[in-house]
Amino acid sequence: MCFKTYMLKRIVNNKQLEITRSFDLDNLVCTATEILKENEIDLLIVDEQNSVVWRNEKSTP
């Protein structure tokens, strides 16, 4: 049996910093939503092939 790994990444100063790794995509989306409640930052969730599966970009003026 093969499990997919997903990574939640935060973009700071145009650099991606991995902050969470999980097998559960729903859990990461929930975590990202909680982070976004208090911070206006760019977040990505990517799969093992580094393909974006969820994205939230902060609004820029």
N, C-alpha and C. Protein backbone atom coordinates (compact mmCIF):
# COMPACT_ATOMS: atom_id res chain seq x y z
N MET A 1 0.84 -1.17 0.00
CA MET A 1 0.00 0.00 0.00
C MET A 1 0.89 1.24 0.00
N CYS A 2 0.52 2.25 -0.81
CA CYS A 2 1.31 3.46 -0.95
C CYS A 2 0.53 4.66 -0.43
N PHE A 3 1.17 5.46 0.40
CA PHE A 3 0.54 6.66 0.92
C PHE A 3 1.14 7.88 0.24
N LYS A 4 0.29 8.87 -0.05
CA LYS A 4 0.78 10.12 -0.59
C LYS A 4 1.17 11.03 0.57
N THR A 5 2.24 11.75 0.39
CA THR A 5 2.68 12.74 1.37
C THR A 5 2.40 14.12 0.81
N TYR A 6 1.83 14.98 1.63
CA TYR A 6 1.57 16.37 1.24
C TYR A 6 2.36 17.28 2.16
N MET A 7 2.79 18.41 1.62
CA MET A 7 3.55 19.38 2.40
C MET A 7 2.88 20.73 2.34
N LEU A 8 2.71 21.35 3.49
CA LEU A 8 2.20 22.71 3.59
C LEU A 8 3.41 23.63 3.63
N LYS A 9 3.47 24.58 2.70
CA LYS A 9 4.61 25.48 2.63
C LYS A 9 4.16 26.92 2.80
N ARG A 10 4.96 27.69 3.47
CA ARG A 10 4.70 29.11 3.65
C ARG A 10 5.72 29.87 2.82
N ILE A 11 5.26 30.86 2.07
CA ILE A 11 6.16 31.66 1.25
C ILE A 11 6.49 32.94 2.00
N VAL A 12 7.76 33.16 2.25
CA VAL A 12 8.24 34.36 2.93
C VAL A 12 9.39 34.93 2.11
N ASN A 13 9.25 36.17 1.72
CA ASN A 13 10.29 36.84 0.91
C ASN A 13 10.64 36.03 -0.33
N ASN A 14 9.60 35.55 -1.02
CA ASN A 14 9.74 34.79 -2.27
C ASN A 14 10.49 33.47 -2.09
N LYS A 15 10.60 32.96 -0.87
CA LYS A 15 11.21 31.65 -0.62
C LYS A 15 10.18 30.75 0.01
N GLN A 16 10.17 29.48 -0.37
CA GLN A 16 9.23 28.53 0.21
C GLN A 16 9.88 27.86 1.41
N LEU A 17 9.19 27.93 2.54
CA LEU A 17 9.67 27.28 3.75
C LEU A 17 8.68 26.20 4.14
N GLU A 18 9.11 24.95 4.14
CA GLU A 18 8.22 23.86 4.52
C GLU A 18 7.93 23.94 6.00
N ILE A 19 6.64 23.89 6.37
CA ILE A 19 6.31 23.97 7.79
C ILE A 19 5.57 22.74 8.30
N THR A 20 4.92 21.99 7.41
CA THR A 20 4.18 20.81 7.86
C THR A 20 4.20 19.75 6.77
N ARG A 21 4.32 18.49 7.18
CA ARG A 21 4.25 17.36 6.25
C ARG A 21 3.21 16.39 6.80
N SER A 22 2.34 15.86 5.92
CA SER A 22 1.27 14.99 6.40
C SER A 22 0.81 14.05 5.30
N PHE A 23 0.19 12.94 5.73
CA PHE A 23 -0.47 12.04 4.79
C PHE A 23 -1.92 12.45 4.57
N ASP A 24 -2.43 13.35 5.39
CA ASP A 24 -3.84 13.73 5.37
C ASP A 24 -4.02 15.12 4.78
N LEU A 25 -4.49 15.20 3.55
CA LEU A 25 -4.67 16.49 2.87
C LEU A 25 -5.70 17.36 3.58
N ASP A 26 -6.80 16.78 4.02
CA ASP A 26 -7.83 17.57 4.70
C ASP A 26 -7.29 18.22 5.97
N ASN A 27 -6.45 17.52 6.69
CA ASN A 27 -5.85 18.07 7.89
C ASN A 27 -4.97 19.28 7.57
N LEU A 28 -4.20 19.20 6.49
CA LEU A 28 -3.35 20.32 6.11
C LEU A 28 -4.16 21.53 5.67
N VAL A 29 -5.25 21.30 4.93
CA VAL A 29 -6.11 22.41 4.51
C VAL A 29 -6.69 23.09 5.74
N CYS A 30 -7.10 22.32 6.71
CA CYS A 30 -7.63 22.86 7.96
C CYS A 30 -6.56 23.68 8.69
N THR A 31 -5.36 23.16 8.76
CA THR A 31 -4.25 23.87 9.39
C THR A 31 -3.97 25.17 8.66
N ALA A 32 -3.95 25.14 7.33
CA ALA A 32 -3.70 26.34 6.54
C ALA A 32 -4.78 27.38 6.78
N THR A 33 -6.03 26.96 6.86
CA THR A 33 -7.14 27.87 7.10
C THR A 33 -6.97 28.57 8.45
N GLU A 34 -6.55 27.82 9.47
CA GLU A 34 -6.32 28.41 10.79
C GLU A 34 -5.18 29.44 10.75
N ILE A 35 -4.11 29.12 10.03
CA ILE A 35 -2.99 30.05 9.91
C ILE A 35 -3.45 31.34 9.23
N LEU A 36 -4.29 31.21 8.21
CA LEU A 36 -4.71 32.38 7.43
C LEU A 36 -5.65 33.29 8.21
N LYS A 37 -6.30 32.78 9.26
CA LYS A 37 -7.18 33.62 10.06
C LYS A 37 -6.41 34.76 10.72
N GLU A 38 -5.14 34.52 11.04
CA GLU A 38 -4.36 35.51 11.77
C GLU A 38 -3.23 36.12 10.96
N ASN A 39 -2.90 35.57 9.82
CA ASN A 39 -1.78 36.07 9.03
C ASN A 39 -2.15 36.18 7.57
N GLU A 40 -1.76 37.28 6.94
CA GLU A 40 -1.95 37.41 5.49
C GLU A 40 -0.64 37.00 4.82
N ILE A 41 -0.51 35.71 4.57
CA ILE A 41 0.70 35.19 3.95
C ILE A 41 0.33 34.22 2.85
N ASP A 42 1.28 33.93 1.99
CA ASP A 42 1.06 32.96 0.91
C ASP A 42 1.30 31.56 1.45
N LEU A 43 0.35 30.66 1.18
CA LEU A 43 0.50 29.26 1.58
C LEU A 43 0.26 28.36 0.39
N LEU A 44 0.99 27.25 0.34
CA LEU A 44 0.82 26.23 -0.69
C LEU A 44 0.77 24.87 -0.03
N ILE A 45 -0.02 23.96 -0.59
CA ILE A 45 0.09 22.55 -0.25
C ILE A 45 0.48 21.84 -1.54
N VAL A 46 1.59 21.09 -1.47
CA VAL A 46 2.09 20.39 -2.65
C VAL A 46 2.16 18.89 -2.36
N ASP A 47 2.11 18.10 -3.43
CA ASP A 47 2.23 16.66 -3.27
C ASP A 47 3.68 16.22 -3.46
N GLU A 48 3.90 14.92 -3.52
CA GLU A 48 5.25 14.37 -3.60
C GLU A 48 6.01 14.80 -4.85
N GLN A 49 5.27 15.10 -5.92
CA GLN A 49 5.91 15.54 -7.16
C GLN A 49 6.03 17.07 -7.22
N ASN A 50 5.80 17.74 -6.08
CA ASN A 50 5.86 19.19 -5.97
C ASN A 50 4.79 19.88 -6.80
N SER A 51 3.69 19.19 -7.10
CA SER A 51 2.56 19.78 -7.80
C SER A 51 1.64 20.44 -6.77
N VAL A 52 1.20 21.65 -7.05
CA VAL A 52 0.34 22.37 -6.11
C VAL A 52 -1.05 21.74 -6.10
N VAL A 53 -1.53 21.36 -4.92
CA VAL A 53 -2.88 20.80 -4.79
C VAL A 53 -3.82 21.77 -4.07
N TRP A 54 -3.25 22.79 -3.42
CA TRP A 54 -4.06 23.82 -2.75
C TRP A 54 -3.20 25.07 -2.65
N ARG A 55 -3.81 26.23 -2.90
CA ARG A 55 -3.04 27.48 -2.88
C ARG A 55 -3.90 28.59 -2.31
N ASN A 56 -3.28 29.42 -1.51
CA ASN A 56 -3.91 30.65 -1.07
C ASN A 56 -2.87 31.74 -1.18
N GLU A 57 -3.15 32.75 -1.98
CA GLU A 57 -2.21 33.85 -2.12
C GLU A 57 -2.77 35.07 -1.43
N LYS A 58 -1.94 35.74 -0.65
CA LYS A 58 -2.38 36.95 0.02
C LYS A 58 -2.71 38.00 -1.02
N SER A 59 -3.64 38.86 -0.68
CA SER A 59 -3.98 39.92 -1.62
C SER A 59 -2.87 40.97 -1.62
N THR A 60 -2.51 41.42 -2.80
CA THR A 60 -1.48 42.44 -2.92
C THR A 60 -2.12 43.71 -3.45
N PRO A 61 -1.73 44.86 -2.91
CA PRO A 61 -2.33 46.12 -3.35
C PRO A 61 -1.94 46.48 -4.77
